[in-house]
Amino acid sequence: MTNIATKSIIAAAIFAATATQAFAVSSSVKYACMGDYLSYCSQHAPGGSAVKQCMRRNGSKLSRGCVGALIKAGYVSKAEVSRRAASLGR
């Protein structure tokens, strides 16, 4: 197994297992956003405020499944997602 694959598996396992008081993540968000976390924010410790900020910065790149899970869990409003999409011309 390559070093990158090993790091990805470890990061995924940590992200899936972690939910801190700083940014408690529902299991549906963990699973829906796992790929997005690995692609954009894995340099940040799972569950920390830096991950939340990173996901917000990368909001336009997040998968539909992740965005839907974030809306459903109440981490972001549908209005905010629509507003951001409109500002990007989507």
PDB file of N, CA and C in Angstrom:
ATOM      1  N   MET A   1       0.855  -1.179   0.000  1.00  0.00           N
ATOM      2  CA  MET A   1       0.000   0.000   0.000  1.00  0.00           C
ATOM      3  C   MET A   1       0.898   1.239   0.000  1.00  0.00           C
ATOM      4  N   THR A   2       0.554   2.221  -0.808  1.00  0.00           N
ATOM      5  CA  THR A   2       1.373   3.425  -0.906  1.00  0.00           C
ATOM      6  C   THR A   2       1.204   4.284   0.335  1.00  0.00           C
ATOM      7  N   ASN A   3       2.159   5.171   0.524  1.00  0.00           N
ATOM      8  CA  ASN A   3       2.126   6.088   1.662  1.00  0.00           C
ATOM      9  C   ASN A   3       0.894   6.985   1.603  1.00  0.00           C
ATOM     10  N   ILE A   4       0.532   7.442   0.399  1.00  0.00           N
ATOM     11  CA  ILE A   4      -0.646   8.303   0.243  1.00  0.00           C
ATOM     12  C   ILE A   4      -1.910   7.534   0.593  1.00  0.00           C
ATOM     13  N   ALA A   5      -2.010   6.294   0.138  1.00  0.00           N
ATOM     14  CA  ALA A   5      -3.185   5.474   0.438  1.00  0.00           C
ATOM     15  C   ALA A   5      -3.282   5.231   1.940  1.00  0.00           C
ATOM     16  N   THR A   6      -2.162   4.957   2.574  1.00  0.00           N
ATOM     17  CA  THR A   6      -2.154   4.732   4.015  1.00  0.00           C
ATOM     18  C   THR A   6      -2.612   5.981   4.756  1.00  0.00           C
ATOM     19  N   LYS A   7      -2.085   7.147   4.360  1.00  0.00           N
ATOM     20  CA  LYS A   7      -2.488   8.404   4.994  1.00  0.00           C
ATOM     21  C   LYS A   7      -3.977   8.661   4.795  1.00  0.00           C
ATOM     22  N   SER A   8      -4.496   8.361   3.603  1.00  0.00           N
ATOM     23  CA  SER A   8      -5.913   8.570   3.325  1.00  0.00           C
ATOM     24  C   SER A   8      -6.778   7.677   4.194  1.00  0.00           C
ATOM     25  N   ILE A   9      -6.381   6.434   4.351  1.00  0.00           N
ATOM     26  CA  ILE A   9      -7.144   5.508   5.186  1.00  0.00           C
ATOM     27  C   ILE A   9      -7.115   5.955   6.641  1.00  0.00           C
ATOM     28  N   ILE A  10      -5.965   6.362   7.102  1.00  0.00           N
ATOM     29  CA  ILE A  10      -5.845   6.835   8.490  1.00  0.00           C
ATOM     30  C   ILE A  10      -6.683   8.089   8.688  1.00  0.00           C
ATOM     31  N   ALA A  11      -6.582   9.042   7.760  1.00  0.00           N
ATOM     32  CA  ALA A  11      -7.366  10.274   7.880  1.00  0.00           C
ATOM     33  C   ALA A  11      -8.855   9.970   7.854  1.00  0.00           C
ATOM     34  N   ALA A  12      -9.266   9.070   6.981  1.00  0.00           N
ATOM     35  CA  ALA A  12     -10.679   8.702   6.893  1.00  0.00           C
ATOM     36  C   ALA A  12     -11.155   8.060   8.185  1.00  0.00           C
ATOM     37  N   ALA A  13     -10.352   7.184   8.736  1.00  0.00           N
ATOM     38  CA  ALA A  13     -10.724   6.513   9.984  1.00  0.00           C
ATOM     39  C   ALA A  13     -10.829   7.511  11.132  1.00  0.00           C
ATOM     40  N   ILE A  14      -9.886   8.433  11.192  1.00  0.00           N
ATOM     41  CA  ILE A  14      -9.923   9.446  12.246  1.00  0.00           C
ATOM     42  C   ILE A  14     -11.129  10.348  12.065  1.00  0.00           C
ATOM     43  N   PHE A  15     -11.377  10.792  10.831  1.00  0.00           N
ATOM     44  CA  PHE A  15     -12.509  11.671  10.564  1.00  0.00           C
ATOM     45  C   PHE A  15     -13.816  10.979  10.910  1.00  0.00           C
ATOM     46  N   ALA A  16     -13.939   9.722  10.555  1.00  0.00           N
ATOM     47  CA  ALA A  16     -15.171   8.982  10.812  1.00  0.00           C
ATOM     48  C   ALA A  16     -15.375   8.734  12.296  1.00  0.00           C
ATOM     49  N   ALA A  17     -14.303   8.602  13.041  1.00  0.00           N
ATOM     50  CA  ALA A  17     -14.419   8.263  14.458  1.00  0.00           C
ATOM     51  C   ALA A  17     -14.470   9.478  15.369  1.00  0.00           C
ATOM     52  N   THR A  18     -14.147  10.647  14.855  1.00  0.00           N
ATOM     53  CA  THR A  18     -14.002  11.826  15.700  1.00  0.00           C
ATOM     54  C   THR A  18     -15.231  12.714  15.674  1.00  0.00           C
ATOM     55  N   ALA A  19     -15.643  13.138  16.858  1.00  0.00           N
ATOM     56  CA  ALA A  19     -16.673  14.177  16.978  1.00  0.00           C
ATOM     57  C   ALA A  19     -16.365  14.905  18.279  1.00  0.00           C
ATOM     58  N   THR A  20     -15.848  16.118  18.179  1.00  0.00           N
ATOM     59  CA  THR A  20     -15.492  16.870  19.367  1.00  0.00           C
ATOM     60  C   THR A  20     -16.560  17.895  19.672  1.00  0.00           C
ATOM     61  N   GLN A  21     -16.485  18.457  20.886  1.00  0.00           N
ATOM     62  CA  GLN A  21     -17.434  19.502  21.246  1.00  0.00           C
ATOM     63  C   GLN A  21     -17.232  20.747  20.398  1.00  0.00           C
ATOM     64  N   ALA A  22     -16.019  20.996  19.913  1.00  0.00           N
ATOM     65  CA  ALA A  22     -15.752  22.188  19.119  1.00  0.00           C
ATOM     66  C   ALA A  22     -16.544  22.159  17.809  1.00  0.00           C
ATOM     67  N   PHE A  23     -16.648  21.007  17.203  1.00  0.00           N
ATOM     68  CA  PHE A  23     -17.375  20.886  15.940  1.00  0.00           C
ATOM     69  C   PHE A  23     -17.856  19.448  15.832  1.00  0.00           C
ATOM     70  N   ALA A  24     -18.888  19.129  16.605  1.00  0.00           N
ATOM     71  CA  ALA A  24     -19.428  17.778  16.595  1.00  0.00           C
ATOM     72  C   ALA A  24     -20.079  17.526  15.240  1.00  0.00           C
ATOM     73  N   VAL A  25     -19.708  16.426  14.619  1.00  0.00           N
ATOM     74  CA  VAL A  25     -20.175  16.123  13.277  1.00  0.00           C
ATOM     75  C   VAL A  25     -21.083  14.905  13.331  1.00  0.00           C
ATOM     76  N   SER A  26     -22.267  15.024  12.740  1.00  0.00           N
ATOM     77  CA  SER A  26     -23.187  13.888  12.717  1.00  0.00           C
ATOM     78  C   SER A  26     -22.618  12.793  11.822  1.00  0.00           C
ATOM     79  N   SER A  27     -23.035  11.568  12.068  1.00  0.00           N
ATOM     80  CA  SER A  27     -22.514  10.454  11.272  1.00  0.00           C
ATOM     81  C   SER A  27     -22.915  10.590   9.803  1.00  0.00           C
ATOM     82  N   SER A  28     -24.091  11.137   9.525  1.00  0.00           N
ATOM     83  CA  SER A  28     -24.490  11.299   8.120  1.00  0.00           C
ATOM     84  C   SER A  28     -23.582  12.301   7.408  1.00  0.00           C
ATOM     85  N   VAL A  29     -23.158  13.353   8.107  1.00  0.00           N
ATOM     86  CA  VAL A  29     -22.232  14.321   7.516  1.00  0.00           C
ATOM     87  C   VAL A  29     -20.860  13.686   7.343  1.00  0.00           C
ATOM     88  N   LYS A  30     -20.414  12.920   8.322  1.00  0.00           N
ATOM     89  CA  LYS A  30     -19.104  12.259   8.210  1.00  0.00           C
ATOM     90  C   LYS A  30     -19.026  11.418   6.953  1.00  0.00           C
ATOM     91  N   TYR A  31     -20.040  10.611   6.735  1.00  0.00           N
ATOM     92  CA  TYR A  31     -20.011   9.708   5.582  1.00  0.00           C
ATOM     93  C   TYR A  31     -20.220  10.455   4.269  1.00  0.00           C
ATOM     94  N   ALA A  32     -21.100  11.430   4.255  1.00  0.00           N
ATOM     95  CA  ALA A  32     -21.378  12.175   3.021  1.00  0.00           C
ATOM     96  C   ALA A  32     -20.208  13.068   2.615  1.00  0.00           C
ATOM     97  N   CYS A  33     -19.452  13.540   3.589  1.00  0.00           N
ATOM     98  CA  CYS A  33     -18.380  14.506   3.326  1.00  0.00           C
ATOM     99  C   CYS A  33     -16.976  13.914   3.406  1.00  0.00           C
ATOM    100  N   MET A  34     -16.869  12.616   3.604  1.00  0.00           N
ATOM    101  CA  MET A  34     -15.556  11.980   3.756  1.00  0.00           C
ATOM    102  C   MET A  34     -14.639  12.303   2.578  1.00  0.00           C
ATOM    103  N   GLY A  35     -15.111  12.130   1.366  1.00  0.00           N
ATOM    104  CA  GLY A  35     -14.288  12.395   0.185  1.00  0.00           C
ATOM    105  C   GLY A  35     -13.878  13.851   0.085  1.00  0.00           C
ATOM    106  N   ASP A  36     -14.807  14.745   0.434  1.00  0.00           N
ATOM    107  CA  ASP A  36     -14.514  16.177   0.393  1.00  0.00           C
ATOM    108  C   ASP A  36     -13.463  16.536   1.441  1.00  0.00           C
ATOM    109  N   TYR A  37     -13.592  15.955   2.617  1.00  0.00           N
ATOM    110  CA  TYR A  37     -12.602  16.179   3.671  1.00  0.00           C
ATOM    111  C   TYR A  37     -11.225  15.732   3.180  1.00  0.00           C
ATOM    112  N   LEU A  38     -11.157  14.527   2.609  1.00  0.00           N
ATOM    113  CA  LEU A  38      -9.868  14.013   2.142  1.00  0.00           C
ATOM    114  C   LEU A  38      -9.304  14.855   1.011  1.00  0.00           C
ATOM    115  N   SER A  39     -10.173  15.344   0.135  1.00  0.00           N
ATOM    116  CA  SER A  39      -9.715  16.138  -1.012  1.00  0.00           C
ATOM    117  C   SER A  39      -9.258  17.545  -0.645  1.00  0.00           C
ATOM    118  N   TYR A  40      -9.948  18.179   0.299  1.00  0.00           N
ATOM    119  CA  TYR A  40      -9.708  19.606   0.544  1.00  0.00           C
ATOM    120  C   TYR A  40      -9.197  19.962   1.931  1.00  0.00           C
ATOM    121  N   CYS A  41      -9.489  19.161   2.936  1.00  0.00           N
ATOM    122  CA  CYS A  41      -9.238  19.626   4.309  1.00  0.00           C
ATOM    123  C   CYS A  41      -8.497  18.635   5.201  1.00  0.00           C
ATOM    124  N   SER A  42      -7.925  17.586   4.636  1.00  0.00           N
ATOM    125  CA  SER A  42      -7.298  16.563   5.480  1.00  0.00           C
ATOM    126  C   SER A  42      -6.041  17.052   6.198  1.00  0.00           C
ATOM    127  N   GLN A  43      -5.557  18.226   5.838  1.00  0.00           N
ATOM    128  CA  GLN A  43      -4.401  18.776   6.545  1.00  0.00           C
ATOM    129  C   GLN A  43      -4.798  19.291   7.930  1.00  0.00           C
ATOM    130  N   HIS A  44      -6.097  19.378   8.182  1.00  0.00           N
ATOM    131  CA  HIS A  44      -6.606  19.846   9.472  1.00  0.00           C
ATOM    132  C   HIS A  44      -7.102  18.667  10.307  1.00  0.00           C
ATOM    133  N   ALA A  45      -6.902  18.760  11.607  1.00  0.00           N
ATOM    134  CA  ALA A  45      -7.361  17.703  12.505  1.00  0.00           C
ATOM    135  C   ALA A  45      -8.881  17.581  12.443  1.00  0.00           C
ATOM    136  N   PRO A  46      -9.384  16.362  12.317  1.00  0.00           N
ATOM    137  CA  PRO A  46     -10.831  16.161  12.265  1.00  0.00           C
ATOM    138  C   PRO A  46     -11.514  16.690  13.519  1.00  0.00           C
ATOM    139  N   GLY A  47     -12.665  17.287  13.317  1.00  0.00           N
ATOM    140  CA  GLY A  47     -13.449  17.758  14.447  1.00  0.00           C
ATOM    141  C   GLY A  47     -13.087  19.142  14.932  1.00  0.00           C
ATOM    142  N   GLY A  48     -12.016  19.710  14.450  1.00  0.00           N
ATOM    143  CA  GLY A  48     -11.592  21.025  14.905  1.00  0.00           C
ATOM    144  C   GLY A  48     -12.249  22.151  14.129  1.00  0.00           C
ATOM    145  N   SER A  49     -12.117  23.344  14.640  1.00  0.00           N
ATOM    146  CA  SER A  49     -12.715  24.503  13.977  1.00  0.00           C
ATOM    147  C   SER A  49     -12.043  24.788  12.634  1.00  0.00           C
ATOM    148  N   ALA A  50     -10.775  24.384  12.478  1.00  0.00           N
ATOM    149  CA  ALA A  50     -10.082  24.604  11.210  1.00  0.00           C
ATOM    150  C   ALA A  50     -10.736  23.809  10.083  1.00  0.00           C
ATOM    151  N   VAL A  51     -11.266  22.619  10.386  1.00  0.00           N
ATOM    152  CA  VAL A  51     -11.950  21.826   9.372  1.00  0.00           C
ATOM    153  C   VAL A  51     -13.218  22.542   8.933  1.00  0.00           C
ATOM    154  N   LYS A  52     -13.949  23.079   9.887  1.00  0.00           N
ATOM    155  CA  LYS A  52     -15.183  23.804   9.572  1.00  0.00           C
ATOM    156  C   LYS A  52     -14.863  24.987   8.657  1.00  0.00           C
ATOM    157  N   GLN A  53     -13.826  25.740   8.979  1.00  0.00           N
ATOM    158  CA  GLN A  53     -13.426  26.889   8.166  1.00  0.00           C
ATOM    159  C   GLN A  53     -12.972  26.439   6.780  1.00  0.00           C
ATOM    160  N   CYS A  54     -12.228  25.355   6.715  1.00  0.00           N
ATOM    161  CA  CYS A  54     -11.740  24.830   5.443  1.00  0.00           C
ATOM    162  C   CYS A  54     -12.911  24.396   4.564  1.00  0.00           C
ATOM    163  N   MET A  55     -13.881  23.709   5.151  1.00  0.00           N
ATOM    164  CA  MET A  55     -15.042  23.267   4.376  1.00  0.00           C
ATOM    165  C   MET A  55     -15.823  24.472   3.857  1.00  0.00           C
ATOM    166  N   ARG A  56     -15.928  25.518   4.652  1.00  0.00           N
ATOM    167  CA  ARG A  56     -16.615  26.731   4.202  1.00  0.00           C
ATOM    168  C   ARG A  56     -15.856  27.377   3.042  1.00  0.00           C
ATOM    169  N   ARG A  57     -14.526  27.463   3.163  1.00  0.00           N
ATOM    170  CA  ARG A  57     -13.707  28.048   2.092  1.00  0.00           C
ATOM    171  C   ARG A  57     -13.847  27.264   0.795  1.00  0.00           C
ATOM    172  N   ASN A  58     -14.031  25.975   0.905  1.00  0.00           N
ATOM    173  CA  ASN A  58     -14.136  25.111  -0.258  1.00  0.00           C
ATOM    174  C   ASN A  58     -15.576  24.766  -0.607  1.00  0.00           C
ATOM    175  N   GLY A  59     -16.504  25.524  -0.095  1.00  0.00           N
ATOM    176  CA  GLY A  59     -17.926  25.242  -0.268  1.00  0.00           C
ATOM    177  C   GLY A  59     -18.363  25.028  -1.698  1.00  0.00           C
ATOM    178  N   SER A  60     -17.814  25.803  -2.620  1.00  0.00           N
ATOM    179  CA  SER A  60     -18.220  25.679  -4.023  1.00  0.00           C
ATOM    180  C   SER A  60     -17.707  24.386  -4.654  1.00  0.00           C
ATOM    181  N   LYS A  61     -16.745  23.737  -4.032  1.00  0.00           N
ATOM    182  CA  LYS A  61     -16.173  22.502  -4.562  1.00  0.00           C
ATOM    183  C   LYS A  61     -16.785  21.250  -3.938  1.00  0.00           C
ATOM    184  N   LEU A  62     -17.540  21.414  -2.859  1.00  0.00           N
ATOM    185  CA  LEU A  62     -18.059  20.256  -2.139  1.00  0.00           C
ATOM    186  C   LEU A  62     -19.087  19.505  -2.969  1.00  0.00           C
ATOM    187  N   SER A  63     -19.133  18.198  -2.774  1.00  0.00           N
ATOM    188  CA  SER A  63     -20.084  17.362  -3.501  1.00  0.00           C
ATOM    189  C   SER A  63     -21.518  17.694  -3.082  1.00  0.00           C
ATOM    190  N   ARG A  64     -22.449  17.399  -3.973  1.00  0.00           N
ATOM    191  CA  ARG A  64     -23.869  17.650  -3.667  1.00  0.00           C
ATOM    192  C   ARG A  64     -24.312  16.870  -2.434  1.00  0.00           C
ATOM    193  N   GLY A  65     -23.821  15.641  -2.311  1.00  0.00           N
ATOM    194  CA  GLY A  65     -24.181  14.815  -1.157  1.00  0.00           C
ATOM    195  C   GLY A  65     -23.718  15.426   0.147  1.00  0.00           C
ATOM    196  N   CYS A  66     -22.515  15.965   0.135  1.00  0.00           N
ATOM    197  CA  CYS A  66     -21.975  16.610   1.335  1.00  0.00           C
ATOM    198  C   CYS A  66     -22.767  17.865   1.667  1.00  0.00           C
ATOM    199  N   VAL A  67     -23.017  18.693   0.666  1.00  0.00           N
ATOM    200  CA  VAL A  67     -23.773  19.927   0.895  1.00  0.00           C
ATOM    201  C   VAL A  67     -25.168  19.591   1.432  1.00  0.00           C
ATOM    202  N   GLY A  68     -25.807  18.589   0.836  1.00  0.00           N
ATOM    203  CA  GLY A  68     -27.132  18.179   1.303  1.00  0.00           C
ATOM    204  C   GLY A  68     -27.113  17.716   2.746  1.00  0.00           C
ATOM    205  N   ALA A  69     -26.100  16.949   3.117  1.00  0.00           N
ATOM    206  CA  ALA A  69     -25.975  16.475   4.498  1.00  0.00           C
ATOM    207  C   ALA A  69     -25.709  17.636   5.455  1.00  0.00           C
ATOM    208  N   LEU A  70     -24.896  18.601   5.030  1.00  0.00           N
ATOM    209  CA  LEU A  70     -24.617  19.772   5.864  1.00  0.00           C
ATOM    210  C   LEU A  70     -25.877  20.605   6.088  1.00  0.00           C
ATOM    211  N   ILE A  71     -26.696  20.733   5.046  1.00  0.00           N
ATOM    212  CA  ILE A  71     -27.960  21.470   5.172  1.00  0.00           C
ATOM    213  C   ILE A  71     -28.900  20.718   6.112  1.00  0.00           C
ATOM    214  N   LYS A  72     -29.046  19.425   5.877  1.00  0.00           N
ATOM    215  CA  LYS A  72     -29.959  18.612   6.689  1.00  0.00           C
ATOM    216  C   LYS A  72     -29.571  18.618   8.160  1.00  0.00           C
ATOM    217  N   ALA A  73     -28.267  18.619   8.435  1.00  0.00           N
ATOM    218  CA  ALA A  73     -27.783  18.618   9.817  1.00  0.00           C
ATOM    219  C   ALA A  73     -27.821  20.000  10.456  1.00  0.00           C
ATOM    220  N   GLY A  74     -28.084  21.039   9.649  1.00  0.00           N
ATOM    221  CA  GLY A  74     -28.162  22.383  10.189  1.00  0.00           C
ATOM    222  C   GLY A  74     -26.838  23.111  10.291  1.00  0.00           C
ATOM    223  N   TYR A  75     -25.787  22.579   9.660  1.00  0.00           N
ATOM    224  CA  TYR A  75     -24.484  23.238   9.694  1.00  0.00           C
ATOM    225  C   TYR A  75     -24.430  24.437   8.757  1.00  0.00           C
ATOM    226  N   VAL A  76     -25.286  24.426   7.737  1.00  0.00           N
ATOM    227  CA  VAL A  76     -25.366  25.518   6.782  1.00  0.00           C
ATOM    228  C   VAL A  76     -26.822  25.600   6.320  1.00  0.00           C
ATOM    229  N   SER A  77     -27.280  26.789   6.027  1.00  0.00           N
ATOM    230  CA  SER A  77     -28.676  26.937   5.587  1.00  0.00           C
ATOM    231  C   SER A  77     -28.772  26.789   4.069  1.00  0.00           C
ATOM    232  N   LYS A  78     -29.935  26.355   3.635  1.00  0.00           N
ATOM    233  CA  LYS A  78     -30.183  26.241   2.202  1.00  0.00           C
ATOM    234  C   LYS A  78     -30.085  27.616   1.545  1.00  0.00           C
ATOM    235  N   ALA A  79     -30.527  28.654   2.266  1.00  0.00           N
ATOM    236  CA  ALA A  79     -30.456  30.023   1.741  1.00  0.00           C
ATOM    237  C   ALA A  79     -29.005  30.444   1.514  1.00  0.00           C
ATOM    238  N   GLU A  80     -28.118  30.087   2.444  1.00  0.00           N
ATOM    239  CA  GLU A  80     -26.709  30.443   2.280  1.00  0.00           C
ATOM    240  C   GLU A  80     -26.111  29.720   1.079  1.00  0.00           C
ATOM    241  N   VAL A  81     -26.448  28.440   0.914  1.00  0.00           N
ATOM    242  CA  VAL A  81     -25.946  27.677  -0.227  1.00  0.00           C
ATOM    243  C   VAL A  81     -26.433  28.308  -1.529  1.00  0.00           C
ATOM    244  N   SER A  82     -27.710  28.686  -1.574  1.00  0.00           N
ATOM    245  CA  SER A  82     -28.273  29.322  -2.770  1.00  0.00           C
ATOM    246  C   SER A  82     -27.605  30.653  -3.043  1.00  0.00           C
ATOM    247  N   ARG A  83     -27.383  31.424  -1.992  1.00  0.00           N
ATOM    248  CA  ARG A  83     -26.749  32.744  -2.129  1.00  0.00           C
ATOM    249  C   ARG A  83     -25.326  32.594  -2.678  1.00  0.00           C
ATOM    250  N   ARG A  84     -24.571  31.621  -2.144  1.00  0.00           N
ATOM    251  CA  ARG A  84     -23.213  31.403  -2.622  1.00  0.00           C
ATOM    252  C   ARG A  84     -23.206  30.933  -4.061  1.00  0.00           C
ATOM    253  N   ALA A  85     -24.137  30.043  -4.408  1.00  0.00           N
ATOM    254  CA  ALA A  85     -24.206  29.539  -5.785  1.00  0.00           C
ATOM    255  C   ALA A  85     -24.542  30.686  -6.745  1.00  0.00           C
ATOM    256  N   ALA A  86     -25.455  31.558  -6.339  1.00  0.00           N
ATOM    257  CA  ALA A  86     -25.829  32.703  -7.180  1.00  0.00           C
ATOM    258  C   ALA A  86     -24.635  33.640  -7.385  1.00  0.00           C
ATOM    259  N   SER A  87     -23.846  33.824  -6.348  1.00  0.00           N
ATOM    260  CA  SER A  87     -22.690  34.717  -6.460  1.00  0.00           C
ATOM    261  C   SER A  87     -21.617  34.135  -7.384  1.00  0.00           C
ATOM    262  N   LEU A  88     -21.656  32.821  -7.572  1.00  0.00           N
ATOM    263  CA  LEU A  88     -20.705  32.163  -8.473  1.00  0.00           C
ATOM    264  C   LEU A  88     -21.291  31.951  -9.862  1.00  0.00           C
ATOM    265  N   GLY A  89     -22.535  32.387 -10.039  1.00  0.00           N
ATOM    266  CA  GLY A  89     -23.172  32.255 -11.334  1.00  0.00           C
ATOM    267  C   GLY A  89     -23.658  30.853 -11.638  1.00  0.00           C
ATOM    268  N   ARG A  90     -24.023  30.098 -10.611  1.00  0.00           N
ATOM    269  CA  ARG A  90     -24.488  28.707 -10.802  1.00  0.00           C
ATOM    270  C   ARG A  90     -25.963  28.599 -10.639  1.00  0.00           C
TER     271      ARG A  90
END
